[in-house]
N, C-alpha and C. Protein backbone atom coordinates (compact mmCIF):
# COMPACT_ATOMS: atom_id res chain seq x y z
N UNK A 1 0.81 -1.21 0.00
CA UNK A 1 0.00 0.00 0.00
C UNK A 1 0.84 1.27 0.00
N UNK A 2 2.13 1.14 0.32
CA UNK A 2 2.96 2.33 0.46
C UNK A 2 3.02 3.14 -0.82
N UNK A 3 2.96 2.45 -1.97
CA UNK A 3 3.10 3.16 -3.23
C UNK A 3 1.82 3.74 -3.77
N UNK A 4 0.68 3.33 -3.26
CA UNK A 4 -0.59 3.76 -3.83
C UNK A 4 -0.85 5.26 -3.71
N UNK A 5 -0.57 5.89 -2.56
CA UNK A 5 -0.83 7.33 -2.51
C UNK A 5 -0.06 8.11 -3.56
N UNK A 6 1.08 7.59 -4.01
CA UNK A 6 1.85 8.29 -5.03
C UNK A 6 1.10 8.38 -6.35
N UNK A 7 0.17 7.44 -6.59
CA UNK A 7 -0.58 7.45 -7.84
C UNK A 7 -1.52 8.65 -7.92
N UNK A 8 -1.97 9.11 -6.78
CA UNK A 8 -2.99 10.15 -6.79
C UNK A 8 -2.53 11.45 -6.16
N UNK A 9 -1.31 11.49 -5.66
CA UNK A 9 -0.82 12.73 -5.07
C UNK A 9 -0.48 13.72 -6.18
N UNK A 10 -0.54 15.01 -5.90
CA UNK A 10 -0.21 16.00 -6.94
C UNK A 10 1.21 15.78 -7.45
N UNK A 11 1.38 15.99 -8.76
CA UNK A 11 2.71 15.78 -9.34
C UNK A 11 3.64 16.87 -8.84
N UNK A 12 4.81 16.46 -8.40
CA UNK A 12 5.77 17.40 -7.84
C UNK A 12 6.70 17.90 -8.95
N UNK A 13 7.02 19.17 -8.84
CA UNK A 13 7.95 19.74 -9.80
C UNK A 13 9.38 19.36 -9.41
N UNK A 14 10.23 19.24 -10.42
CA UNK A 14 11.65 18.97 -10.18
C UNK A 14 12.23 20.12 -9.36
N UNK A 15 12.93 19.78 -8.30
CA UNK A 15 13.47 20.81 -7.43
C UNK A 15 14.73 21.44 -8.02
N UNK A 16 15.50 20.66 -8.75
CA UNK A 16 16.73 21.18 -9.33
C UNK A 16 16.57 21.36 -10.83
N UNK A 17 17.18 22.41 -11.34
CA UNK A 17 17.17 22.65 -12.78
C UNK A 17 17.99 21.57 -13.48
N UNK A 18 17.59 21.27 -14.72
CA UNK A 18 18.38 20.38 -15.55
C UNK A 18 19.66 21.13 -15.94
N UNK A 19 20.79 20.55 -15.62
CA UNK A 19 22.06 21.18 -16.00
C UNK A 19 22.37 20.87 -17.47
N UNK A 20 22.90 21.84 -18.16
CA UNK A 20 23.28 21.64 -19.56
C UNK A 20 22.07 21.45 -20.46
N UNK A 21 21.06 22.32 -20.31
CA UNK A 21 19.83 22.14 -21.08
C UNK A 21 20.08 22.20 -22.58
N UNK A 22 20.97 23.07 -23.02
CA UNK A 22 21.24 23.16 -24.46
C UNK A 22 21.78 21.84 -25.00
N UNK A 23 22.64 21.20 -24.23
CA UNK A 23 23.17 19.89 -24.64
C UNK A 23 22.05 18.86 -24.70
N UNK A 24 21.17 18.88 -23.69
CA UNK A 24 20.05 17.94 -23.66
C UNK A 24 19.12 18.18 -24.84
N UNK A 25 18.86 19.44 -25.14
CA UNK A 25 18.00 19.79 -26.27
C UNK A 25 18.60 19.30 -27.58
N UNK A 26 19.91 19.48 -27.76
CA UNK A 26 20.56 18.99 -28.98
C UNK A 26 20.43 17.48 -29.10
N UNK A 27 20.57 16.78 -27.98
CA UNK A 27 20.45 15.31 -28.00
C UNK A 27 19.05 14.89 -28.39
N UNK A 28 18.04 15.57 -27.88
CA UNK A 28 16.66 15.24 -28.24
C UNK A 28 16.39 15.55 -29.71
N UNK A 29 16.95 16.63 -30.19
CA UNK A 29 16.75 16.97 -31.61
C UNK A 29 17.37 15.91 -32.51
N UNK A 30 18.52 15.38 -32.11
CA UNK A 30 19.14 14.30 -32.90
C UNK A 30 18.26 13.05 -32.90
N UNK A 31 17.73 12.70 -31.73
CA UNK A 31 16.90 11.50 -31.63
C UNK A 31 15.59 11.66 -32.40
N UNK A 32 15.01 12.85 -32.31
CA UNK A 32 13.74 13.10 -33.00
C UNK A 32 13.91 13.04 -34.52
N UNK A 33 15.12 13.32 -35.00
CA UNK A 33 15.36 13.34 -36.45
C UNK A 33 15.32 11.95 -37.08
N UNK A 34 15.33 10.90 -36.25
CA UNK A 34 15.32 9.53 -36.78
C UNK A 34 13.92 8.95 -36.74
N UNK A 35 13.30 8.69 -37.90
CA UNK A 35 11.96 8.11 -37.91
C UNK A 35 11.95 6.70 -37.31
N UNK A 36 10.80 6.32 -36.77
CA UNK A 36 10.61 4.98 -36.22
C UNK A 36 9.91 4.13 -37.27
N UNK A 37 10.60 3.12 -37.78
CA UNK A 37 10.03 2.27 -38.82
C UNK A 37 8.95 1.36 -38.24
N UNK A 38 7.94 1.08 -39.03
CA UNK A 38 6.88 0.16 -38.63
C UNK A 38 7.33 -1.27 -38.94
N UNK A 39 7.52 -2.11 -37.91
CA UNK A 39 7.95 -3.49 -38.14
C UNK A 39 6.77 -4.39 -38.52
N UNK A 40 6.52 -4.51 -39.80
CA UNK A 40 5.35 -5.25 -40.28
C UNK A 40 5.38 -6.71 -39.83
N UNK A 41 6.55 -7.36 -39.85
CA UNK A 41 6.62 -8.76 -39.44
C UNK A 41 6.24 -8.93 -37.98
N UNK A 42 6.77 -8.07 -37.13
CA UNK A 42 6.43 -8.14 -35.71
C UNK A 42 4.95 -7.86 -35.50
N UNK A 43 4.42 -6.89 -36.22
CA UNK A 43 3.01 -6.55 -36.10
C UNK A 43 2.13 -7.73 -36.47
N UNK A 44 2.48 -8.44 -37.53
CA UNK A 44 1.67 -9.59 -37.95
C UNK A 44 1.70 -10.72 -36.93
N UNK A 45 2.80 -10.82 -36.15
CA UNK A 45 2.90 -11.87 -35.14
C UNK A 45 2.24 -11.46 -33.83
N UNK A 46 2.44 -10.22 -33.41
CA UNK A 46 1.96 -9.78 -32.10
C UNK A 46 0.62 -9.05 -32.14
N UNK A 47 0.22 -8.60 -33.33
CA UNK A 47 -1.00 -7.82 -33.54
C UNK A 47 -0.94 -6.40 -33.01
N UNK A 48 0.22 -5.97 -32.55
CA UNK A 48 0.33 -4.58 -32.10
C UNK A 48 1.78 -4.10 -32.20
N UNK A 49 1.93 -2.78 -32.17
CA UNK A 49 3.24 -2.15 -32.08
C UNK A 49 3.04 -0.78 -31.45
N UNK A 50 3.94 -0.39 -30.57
CA UNK A 50 3.87 0.92 -29.95
C UNK A 50 5.24 1.59 -30.03
N UNK A 51 5.22 2.91 -30.12
CA UNK A 51 6.45 3.68 -30.03
C UNK A 51 6.29 4.60 -28.83
N UNK A 52 7.09 4.33 -27.79
CA UNK A 52 7.06 5.15 -26.58
C UNK A 52 8.20 6.15 -26.61
N UNK A 53 8.09 7.14 -25.74
CA UNK A 53 9.11 8.18 -25.68
C UNK A 53 10.18 7.83 -24.65
N UNK A 54 11.39 8.26 -24.92
CA UNK A 54 12.46 8.19 -23.94
C UNK A 54 12.87 9.62 -23.64
N UNK A 55 12.41 10.14 -22.51
CA UNK A 55 12.56 11.56 -22.24
C UNK A 55 13.68 11.91 -21.26
N UNK A 56 14.57 10.98 -20.97
CA UNK A 56 15.65 11.26 -20.02
C UNK A 56 16.31 12.59 -20.40
N UNK A 57 16.61 13.41 -19.42
CA UNK A 57 16.63 13.15 -17.97
C UNK A 57 15.32 13.37 -17.24
N UNK A 58 14.21 13.56 -17.95
CA UNK A 58 12.93 13.72 -17.28
C UNK A 58 12.29 12.35 -17.05
N UNK A 59 11.60 12.23 -15.93
CA UNK A 59 10.88 11.00 -15.62
C UNK A 59 9.53 11.01 -16.33
N UNK A 60 8.91 9.83 -16.41
CA UNK A 60 7.61 9.71 -17.08
C UNK A 60 6.58 10.64 -16.44
N UNK A 61 6.64 10.78 -15.14
CA UNK A 61 5.63 11.57 -14.43
C UNK A 61 5.90 13.08 -14.49
N UNK A 62 7.02 13.49 -15.08
CA UNK A 62 7.34 14.90 -15.17
C UNK A 62 6.86 15.48 -16.50
N UNK A 63 6.78 16.80 -16.53
CA UNK A 63 6.37 17.49 -17.75
C UNK A 63 7.57 18.28 -18.27
N UNK A 64 8.20 17.79 -19.33
CA UNK A 64 9.38 18.49 -19.87
C UNK A 64 9.00 19.87 -20.39
N UNK A 65 9.99 20.73 -20.64
CA UNK A 65 9.71 22.05 -21.21
C UNK A 65 8.98 21.93 -22.55
N UNK A 66 8.28 22.97 -22.90
CA UNK A 66 7.44 22.96 -24.11
C UNK A 66 8.22 22.58 -25.35
N UNK A 67 9.43 23.10 -25.52
CA UNK A 67 10.19 22.81 -26.73
C UNK A 67 10.46 21.32 -26.87
N UNK A 68 10.70 20.63 -25.78
CA UNK A 68 10.92 19.18 -25.81
C UNK A 68 9.63 18.46 -26.17
N UNK A 69 8.54 18.88 -25.56
CA UNK A 69 7.25 18.24 -25.84
C UNK A 69 6.84 18.44 -27.30
N UNK A 70 7.06 19.64 -27.82
CA UNK A 70 6.71 19.89 -29.22
C UNK A 70 7.54 19.02 -30.17
N UNK A 71 8.82 18.85 -29.86
CA UNK A 71 9.67 17.99 -30.68
C UNK A 71 9.09 16.59 -30.77
N UNK A 72 8.71 16.02 -29.62
CA UNK A 72 8.24 14.64 -29.61
C UNK A 72 6.83 14.47 -30.16
N UNK A 73 5.99 15.46 -29.96
CA UNK A 73 4.66 15.40 -30.59
C UNK A 73 4.83 15.41 -32.10
N UNK A 74 5.75 16.24 -32.60
CA UNK A 74 6.02 16.26 -34.03
C UNK A 74 6.52 14.93 -34.55
N UNK A 75 7.40 14.27 -33.80
CA UNK A 75 7.92 12.96 -34.22
C UNK A 75 6.81 11.92 -34.24
N UNK A 76 5.96 11.91 -33.20
CA UNK A 76 4.86 10.94 -33.16
C UNK A 76 3.89 11.15 -34.32
N UNK A 77 3.58 12.39 -34.62
CA UNK A 77 2.64 12.69 -35.70
C UNK A 77 3.25 12.31 -37.06
N UNK A 78 4.53 12.62 -37.26
CA UNK A 78 5.19 12.26 -38.53
C UNK A 78 5.24 10.74 -38.69
N UNK A 79 5.55 10.02 -37.61
CA UNK A 79 5.58 8.56 -37.69
C UNK A 79 4.18 8.00 -37.90
N UNK A 80 3.16 8.67 -37.34
CA UNK A 80 1.78 8.26 -37.58
C UNK A 80 1.49 8.22 -39.07
N UNK A 81 1.87 9.26 -39.78
CA UNK A 81 1.58 9.32 -41.22
C UNK A 81 2.33 8.23 -41.98
N UNK A 82 3.59 7.98 -41.60
CA UNK A 82 4.36 6.92 -42.27
C UNK A 82 3.79 5.55 -41.95
N UNK A 83 3.45 5.30 -40.68
CA UNK A 83 2.87 4.01 -40.30
C UNK A 83 1.53 3.80 -40.99
N UNK A 84 0.77 4.86 -41.13
CA UNK A 84 -0.55 4.73 -41.77
C UNK A 84 -0.40 4.24 -43.21
N UNK A 85 0.56 4.76 -43.93
CA UNK A 85 0.78 4.30 -45.30
C UNK A 85 1.17 2.83 -45.32
N UNK A 86 2.05 2.42 -44.40
CA UNK A 86 2.46 1.02 -44.34
C UNK A 86 1.32 0.10 -43.96
N UNK A 87 0.49 0.52 -43.01
CA UNK A 87 -0.64 -0.31 -42.59
C UNK A 87 -1.67 -0.43 -43.71
N UNK A 88 -1.94 0.66 -44.40
CA UNK A 88 -2.93 0.63 -45.48
C UNK A 88 -2.49 -0.30 -46.61
N UNK A 89 -1.17 -0.46 -46.77
CA UNK A 89 -0.67 -1.34 -47.83
C UNK A 89 -0.78 -2.81 -47.47
N UNK A 90 -0.98 -3.13 -46.17
CA UNK A 90 -1.00 -4.52 -45.75
C UNK A 90 -2.33 -4.97 -45.12
N UNK A 91 -3.11 -4.03 -44.58
CA UNK A 91 -4.31 -4.43 -43.85
C UNK A 91 -5.50 -3.56 -44.26
N UNK A 92 -6.65 -4.19 -44.47
CA UNK A 92 -7.84 -3.42 -44.84
C UNK A 92 -8.40 -2.62 -43.66
N UNK A 93 -8.13 -3.08 -42.43
CA UNK A 93 -8.66 -2.42 -41.25
C UNK A 93 -7.62 -2.48 -40.12
N UNK A 94 -7.48 -1.42 -39.37
CA UNK A 94 -6.47 -1.39 -38.31
C UNK A 94 -6.77 -0.23 -37.38
N UNK A 95 -6.10 -0.23 -36.22
CA UNK A 95 -6.17 0.88 -35.28
C UNK A 95 -4.82 1.59 -35.31
N UNK A 96 -4.85 2.90 -35.40
CA UNK A 96 -3.63 3.69 -35.37
C UNK A 96 -3.96 5.02 -34.72
N UNK A 97 -3.20 5.39 -33.68
CA UNK A 97 -3.48 6.64 -32.98
C UNK A 97 -2.24 7.15 -32.26
N UNK A 98 -2.21 8.45 -32.08
CA UNK A 98 -1.22 9.10 -31.22
C UNK A 98 -1.93 9.39 -29.91
N UNK A 99 -1.31 8.97 -28.80
CA UNK A 99 -1.86 9.27 -27.47
C UNK A 99 -0.95 10.31 -26.82
N UNK A 100 -1.51 11.44 -26.43
CA UNK A 100 -0.77 12.47 -25.70
C UNK A 100 -1.36 12.58 -24.31
N UNK A 101 -0.56 12.23 -23.32
CA UNK A 101 -1.03 12.22 -21.93
C UNK A 101 -0.68 13.53 -21.23
N UNK A 102 -1.58 13.92 -20.34
CA UNK A 102 -1.39 15.09 -19.50
C UNK A 102 -1.88 14.75 -18.09
N UNK A 103 -1.12 14.90 -17.04
CA UNK A 103 0.16 15.59 -16.99
C UNK A 103 1.38 14.70 -17.23
N UNK A 104 1.20 13.38 -17.31
CA UNK A 104 2.34 12.48 -17.49
C UNK A 104 2.71 12.36 -18.97
N UNK A 105 3.33 13.41 -19.48
CA UNK A 105 3.64 13.46 -20.92
C UNK A 105 4.49 12.29 -21.36
N UNK A 106 5.32 11.77 -20.47
CA UNK A 106 6.21 10.66 -20.83
C UNK A 106 5.48 9.38 -21.20
N UNK A 107 4.20 9.28 -20.92
CA UNK A 107 3.41 8.11 -21.32
C UNK A 107 2.86 8.25 -22.73
N UNK A 108 3.07 9.39 -23.36
CA UNK A 108 2.58 9.61 -24.72
C UNK A 108 3.24 8.60 -25.66
N UNK A 109 2.50 8.18 -26.68
CA UNK A 109 3.01 7.15 -27.57
C UNK A 109 2.21 7.06 -28.86
N UNK A 110 2.78 6.35 -29.81
CA UNK A 110 2.11 6.01 -31.07
C UNK A 110 1.73 4.54 -30.99
N UNK A 111 0.47 4.23 -31.28
CA UNK A 111 -0.06 2.88 -31.06
C UNK A 111 -0.70 2.35 -32.33
N UNK A 112 -0.33 1.13 -32.72
CA UNK A 112 -0.94 0.46 -33.87
C UNK A 112 -1.44 -0.91 -33.43
N UNK A 113 -2.60 -1.31 -33.94
CA UNK A 113 -3.13 -2.62 -33.59
C UNK A 113 -3.97 -3.20 -34.71
N UNK A 114 -3.94 -4.53 -34.82
CA UNK A 114 -4.77 -5.24 -35.79
C UNK A 114 -5.48 -6.37 -35.06
N UNK A 115 -6.52 -6.90 -35.69
CA UNK A 115 -7.26 -8.05 -35.17
C UNK A 115 -7.71 -7.80 -33.72
N UNK A 116 -7.36 -8.71 -32.81
CA UNK A 116 -7.83 -8.61 -31.42
C UNK A 116 -7.33 -7.33 -30.75
N UNK A 117 -6.12 -6.93 -31.06
CA UNK A 117 -5.57 -5.71 -30.46
C UNK A 117 -6.31 -4.47 -30.96
N UNK A 118 -6.74 -4.51 -32.21
CA UNK A 118 -7.52 -3.39 -32.73
C UNK A 118 -8.80 -3.23 -31.92
N UNK A 119 -9.48 -4.35 -31.67
CA UNK A 119 -10.71 -4.30 -30.89
C UNK A 119 -10.44 -3.78 -29.49
N UNK A 120 -9.36 -4.24 -28.89
CA UNK A 120 -9.02 -3.80 -27.53
C UNK A 120 -8.75 -2.31 -27.48
N UNK A 121 -7.94 -1.81 -28.42
CA UNK A 121 -7.61 -0.40 -28.42
C UNK A 121 -8.84 0.47 -28.72
N UNK A 122 -9.71 -0.02 -29.60
CA UNK A 122 -10.91 0.75 -29.94
C UNK A 122 -11.77 1.01 -28.71
N UNK A 123 -11.78 0.07 -27.75
CA UNK A 123 -12.62 0.23 -26.56
C UNK A 123 -11.87 0.65 -25.32
N UNK A 124 -10.60 0.98 -25.47
CA UNK A 124 -9.78 1.28 -24.29
C UNK A 124 -10.20 2.57 -23.60
N UNK A 125 -10.41 3.61 -24.37
CA UNK A 125 -10.82 4.90 -23.80
C UNK A 125 -12.31 5.09 -24.07
N UNK A 126 -13.09 5.11 -23.01
CA UNK A 126 -14.55 5.16 -23.20
C UNK A 126 -15.21 6.28 -22.41
N UNK A 127 -14.39 7.21 -21.89
CA UNK A 127 -14.96 8.32 -21.13
C UNK A 127 -14.46 9.65 -21.71
N UNK A 128 -15.13 10.12 -22.77
CA UNK A 128 -14.73 11.41 -23.35
C UNK A 128 -14.96 12.54 -22.35
N UNK A 129 -14.09 13.52 -22.38
CA UNK A 129 -14.22 14.70 -21.52
C UNK A 129 -14.15 15.95 -22.38
N UNK A 130 -14.76 17.00 -21.90
CA UNK A 130 -14.82 18.25 -22.65
C UNK A 130 -13.61 19.11 -22.32
N UNK A 131 -12.47 18.73 -22.89
CA UNK A 131 -11.22 19.46 -22.67
C UNK A 131 -10.61 19.76 -24.04
N UNK A 132 -10.31 21.02 -24.27
CA UNK A 132 -9.77 21.42 -25.57
C UNK A 132 -8.34 20.89 -25.74
N UNK A 133 -8.00 20.58 -26.99
CA UNK A 133 -6.64 20.15 -27.30
C UNK A 133 -5.69 21.29 -26.99
N UNK A 134 -4.53 21.02 -26.38
CA UNK A 134 -3.60 22.09 -25.99
C UNK A 134 -3.16 22.95 -27.19
N UNK A 135 -3.41 24.24 -27.09
CA UNK A 135 -3.06 25.15 -28.19
C UNK A 135 -1.56 25.19 -28.44
N UNK A 136 -0.76 24.82 -27.44
CA UNK A 136 0.70 24.87 -27.59
C UNK A 136 1.22 23.88 -28.62
N UNK A 137 0.38 22.93 -29.03
CA UNK A 137 0.80 21.94 -30.03
C UNK A 137 0.29 22.26 -31.43
N UNK A 138 -0.57 23.27 -31.57
CA UNK A 138 -1.14 23.56 -32.88
C UNK A 138 -0.08 23.93 -33.91
N UNK A 139 1.03 24.50 -33.47
CA UNK A 139 2.07 24.91 -34.41
C UNK A 139 2.94 23.75 -34.88
N UNK A 140 2.77 22.57 -34.29
CA UNK A 140 3.56 21.40 -34.67
C UNK A 140 3.06 20.88 -36.02
N UNK A 141 3.94 20.73 -37.00
CA UNK A 141 3.49 20.25 -38.33
C UNK A 141 2.75 18.93 -38.25
N UNK A 142 1.60 18.85 -38.94
CA UNK A 142 0.83 17.62 -39.01
C UNK A 142 -0.21 17.45 -37.93
N UNK A 143 -0.12 18.20 -36.84
CA UNK A 143 -1.08 18.04 -35.75
C UNK A 143 -2.50 18.35 -36.22
N UNK A 144 -2.64 19.39 -37.02
CA UNK A 144 -3.96 19.79 -37.49
C UNK A 144 -4.61 18.80 -38.43
N UNK A 145 -3.83 17.87 -38.97
CA UNK A 145 -4.38 16.88 -39.90
C UNK A 145 -5.08 15.73 -39.17
N UNK A 146 -4.86 15.62 -37.87
CA UNK A 146 -5.48 14.54 -37.09
C UNK A 146 -6.71 15.06 -36.36
N UNK A 147 -7.62 14.14 -36.09
CA UNK A 147 -8.81 14.45 -35.29
C UNK A 147 -8.51 14.06 -33.85
N UNK A 148 -8.58 15.02 -32.92
CA UNK A 148 -8.21 14.79 -31.53
C UNK A 148 -9.44 14.73 -30.63
N UNK A 149 -9.49 13.70 -29.79
CA UNK A 149 -10.57 13.54 -28.82
C UNK A 149 -9.95 13.36 -27.44
N UNK A 150 -10.48 14.08 -26.45
CA UNK A 150 -9.96 13.99 -25.08
C UNK A 150 -10.75 12.94 -24.30
N UNK A 151 -10.03 12.11 -23.54
CA UNK A 151 -10.64 11.09 -22.70
C UNK A 151 -10.06 11.18 -21.29
N UNK A 152 -10.84 10.75 -20.32
CA UNK A 152 -10.34 10.66 -18.95
C UNK A 152 -9.29 9.57 -18.89
N UNK A 153 -8.19 9.89 -18.23
CA UNK A 153 -7.09 8.95 -18.04
C UNK A 153 -7.01 8.65 -16.55
N UNK A 154 -6.84 7.38 -16.18
CA UNK A 154 -6.89 7.07 -14.77
C UNK A 154 -6.01 5.93 -14.32
N UNK A 155 -5.99 5.73 -13.01
CA UNK A 155 -5.24 4.65 -12.37
C UNK A 155 -6.23 3.65 -11.79
N UNK A 156 -5.98 2.35 -11.98
CA UNK A 156 -6.89 1.33 -11.45
C UNK A 156 -6.60 0.98 -10.00
N UNK A 157 -7.64 0.66 -9.26
CA UNK A 157 -7.51 0.22 -7.88
C UNK A 157 -8.47 -0.94 -7.65
N UNK A 158 -7.98 -1.98 -7.01
CA UNK A 158 -8.87 -3.07 -6.61
C UNK A 158 -9.79 -2.56 -5.52
N UNK A 159 -10.96 -3.18 -5.32
CA UNK A 159 -11.92 -2.68 -4.33
C UNK A 159 -11.35 -2.49 -2.94
N UNK A 160 -10.48 -3.40 -2.48
CA UNK A 160 -9.92 -3.24 -1.13
C UNK A 160 -8.98 -2.03 -1.07
N UNK A 161 -8.21 -1.78 -2.15
CA UNK A 161 -7.35 -0.61 -2.20
C UNK A 161 -8.19 0.66 -2.19
N UNK A 162 -9.25 0.64 -2.99
CA UNK A 162 -10.12 1.81 -3.10
C UNK A 162 -10.79 2.11 -1.76
N UNK A 163 -11.23 1.05 -1.06
CA UNK A 163 -11.88 1.24 0.24
C UNK A 163 -10.92 1.82 1.27
N UNK A 164 -9.69 1.35 1.22
CA UNK A 164 -8.70 1.82 2.19
C UNK A 164 -8.34 3.29 1.98
N UNK A 165 -8.31 3.72 0.73
CA UNK A 165 -7.96 5.11 0.42
C UNK A 165 -9.18 5.94 0.07
N UNK A 166 -10.37 5.41 0.38
CA UNK A 166 -11.63 6.02 -0.02
C UNK A 166 -11.74 7.52 0.12
N UNK A 167 -11.56 8.08 1.32
CA UNK A 167 -11.76 9.53 1.48
C UNK A 167 -10.90 10.37 0.53
N UNK A 168 -9.68 9.93 0.31
CA UNK A 168 -8.78 10.66 -0.58
C UNK A 168 -9.21 10.51 -2.04
N UNK A 169 -9.59 9.28 -2.42
CA UNK A 169 -9.95 9.02 -3.81
C UNK A 169 -11.28 9.63 -4.20
N UNK A 170 -12.21 9.71 -3.26
CA UNK A 170 -13.54 10.21 -3.57
C UNK A 170 -13.53 11.69 -3.96
N UNK A 171 -12.44 12.39 -3.68
CA UNK A 171 -12.33 13.79 -4.08
C UNK A 171 -12.09 13.93 -5.58
N UNK A 172 -11.71 12.84 -6.23
CA UNK A 172 -11.44 12.86 -7.67
C UNK A 172 -12.54 12.12 -8.42
N UNK A 173 -12.67 12.45 -9.71
CA UNK A 173 -13.61 11.70 -10.54
C UNK A 173 -13.19 10.24 -10.58
N UNK A 174 -14.15 9.32 -10.44
CA UNK A 174 -13.83 7.89 -10.44
C UNK A 174 -15.04 7.11 -10.95
N UNK A 175 -14.78 5.88 -11.36
CA UNK A 175 -15.85 5.04 -11.87
C UNK A 175 -15.47 3.58 -11.69
N UNK A 176 -16.50 2.73 -11.76
CA UNK A 176 -16.28 1.30 -11.62
C UNK A 176 -16.12 0.67 -12.99
N UNK A 177 -15.27 -0.33 -13.08
CA UNK A 177 -15.02 -1.04 -14.33
C UNK A 177 -14.82 -2.52 -14.04
N UNK A 178 -14.64 -3.29 -15.10
CA UNK A 178 -14.40 -4.73 -14.94
C UNK A 178 -13.20 -5.14 -15.77
N UNK A 179 -12.41 -6.05 -15.21
CA UNK A 179 -11.24 -6.57 -15.92
C UNK A 179 -11.68 -7.52 -17.01
N UNK A 180 -10.73 -7.97 -17.82
CA UNK A 180 -11.05 -8.89 -18.91
C UNK A 180 -11.70 -10.18 -18.40
N UNK A 181 -11.37 -10.58 -17.17
CA UNK A 181 -11.96 -11.80 -16.62
C UNK A 181 -13.16 -11.51 -15.71
N UNK A 182 -13.70 -10.29 -15.81
CA UNK A 182 -14.94 -9.96 -15.11
C UNK A 182 -14.80 -9.48 -13.68
N UNK A 183 -13.59 -9.27 -13.21
CA UNK A 183 -13.42 -8.81 -11.82
C UNK A 183 -13.60 -7.29 -11.75
N UNK A 184 -14.39 -6.83 -10.77
CA UNK A 184 -14.62 -5.39 -10.66
C UNK A 184 -13.41 -4.66 -10.06
N UNK A 185 -13.20 -3.44 -10.51
CA UNK A 185 -12.18 -2.58 -9.93
C UNK A 185 -12.62 -1.13 -10.15
N UNK A 186 -11.93 -0.21 -9.52
CA UNK A 186 -12.25 1.20 -9.65
C UNK A 186 -11.13 1.92 -10.40
N UNK A 187 -11.52 2.93 -11.16
CA UNK A 187 -10.56 3.77 -11.87
C UNK A 187 -10.72 5.19 -11.36
N UNK A 188 -9.62 5.79 -10.95
CA UNK A 188 -9.61 7.17 -10.45
C UNK A 188 -8.93 8.04 -11.50
N UNK A 189 -9.63 9.10 -11.92
CA UNK A 189 -9.05 9.97 -12.94
C UNK A 189 -7.84 10.71 -12.42
N UNK A 190 -6.76 10.61 -13.14
CA UNK A 190 -5.52 11.29 -12.77
C UNK A 190 -5.06 12.28 -13.84
N UNK A 191 -5.76 12.31 -14.97
CA UNK A 191 -5.36 13.22 -16.03
C UNK A 191 -6.25 13.07 -17.25
N UNK A 192 -5.72 13.48 -18.37
CA UNK A 192 -6.42 13.43 -19.65
C UNK A 192 -5.50 12.83 -20.69
N UNK A 193 -6.06 12.07 -21.62
CA UNK A 193 -5.29 11.61 -22.77
C UNK A 193 -6.01 12.08 -24.03
N UNK A 194 -5.26 12.75 -24.90
CA UNK A 194 -5.80 13.15 -26.19
C UNK A 194 -5.43 12.08 -27.21
N UNK A 195 -6.43 11.55 -27.89
CA UNK A 195 -6.23 10.50 -28.88
C UNK A 195 -6.37 11.12 -30.26
N UNK A 196 -5.28 11.07 -31.03
CA UNK A 196 -5.28 11.64 -32.37
C UNK A 196 -5.34 10.56 -33.42
N UNK A 197 -6.38 10.61 -34.26
CA UNK A 197 -6.55 9.61 -35.31
C UNK A 197 -6.77 10.30 -36.64
N UNK A 198 -6.72 9.54 -37.71
CA UNK A 198 -6.92 10.12 -39.03
C UNK A 198 -8.32 10.68 -39.12
N UNK A 199 -8.44 11.87 -39.67
CA UNK A 199 -9.75 12.48 -39.84
C UNK A 199 -10.57 11.67 -40.82
N UNK A 200 -11.87 11.57 -40.56
CA UNK A 200 -12.77 10.82 -41.45
C UNK A 200 -12.79 11.47 -42.82
N UNK A 201 -12.78 10.61 -43.84
CA UNK A 201 -12.78 11.13 -45.21
C UNK A 201 -14.13 11.74 -45.55
């Protein structure tokens, strides 16, 4: 139980500045310049592929400076377009989306799925919220070509965990859900995820 309060406590800001930010920025620009290829063979075997971010020296739960976030949103969107062409050449139907998480930007990723994984991803986010897409990303090339929908993003808790932390958790939006094997659990909203998909023709 010691780690559970950390899931719902306010995100703490880094106390120390990143030393050598210009060097870190140059390193991220070099990494962003390399496209992520879609591994068709792996996709056909596993039914999914994801591209996650490596934001060191920032942790997943931290929010890097805007310039870093814009770089990676641009890379995810550019790879989305390349992956979409590859998927269209091999599969008549598939799931492909960019997920941008707030406040845990480090969880943002590009996600592709076919067959069973496509079905799973299609139903993964089912609680839309009325939150506008961050204007700070509108200037990123390609962002405007995708259709963005905001969904509640949350942390799961088993009923006994939820009961033990009840007073604290009840202050946040929460809902009941069921696992794949039918076991009930609770989800507490901890943020928002914007899902970017190809605009309908």
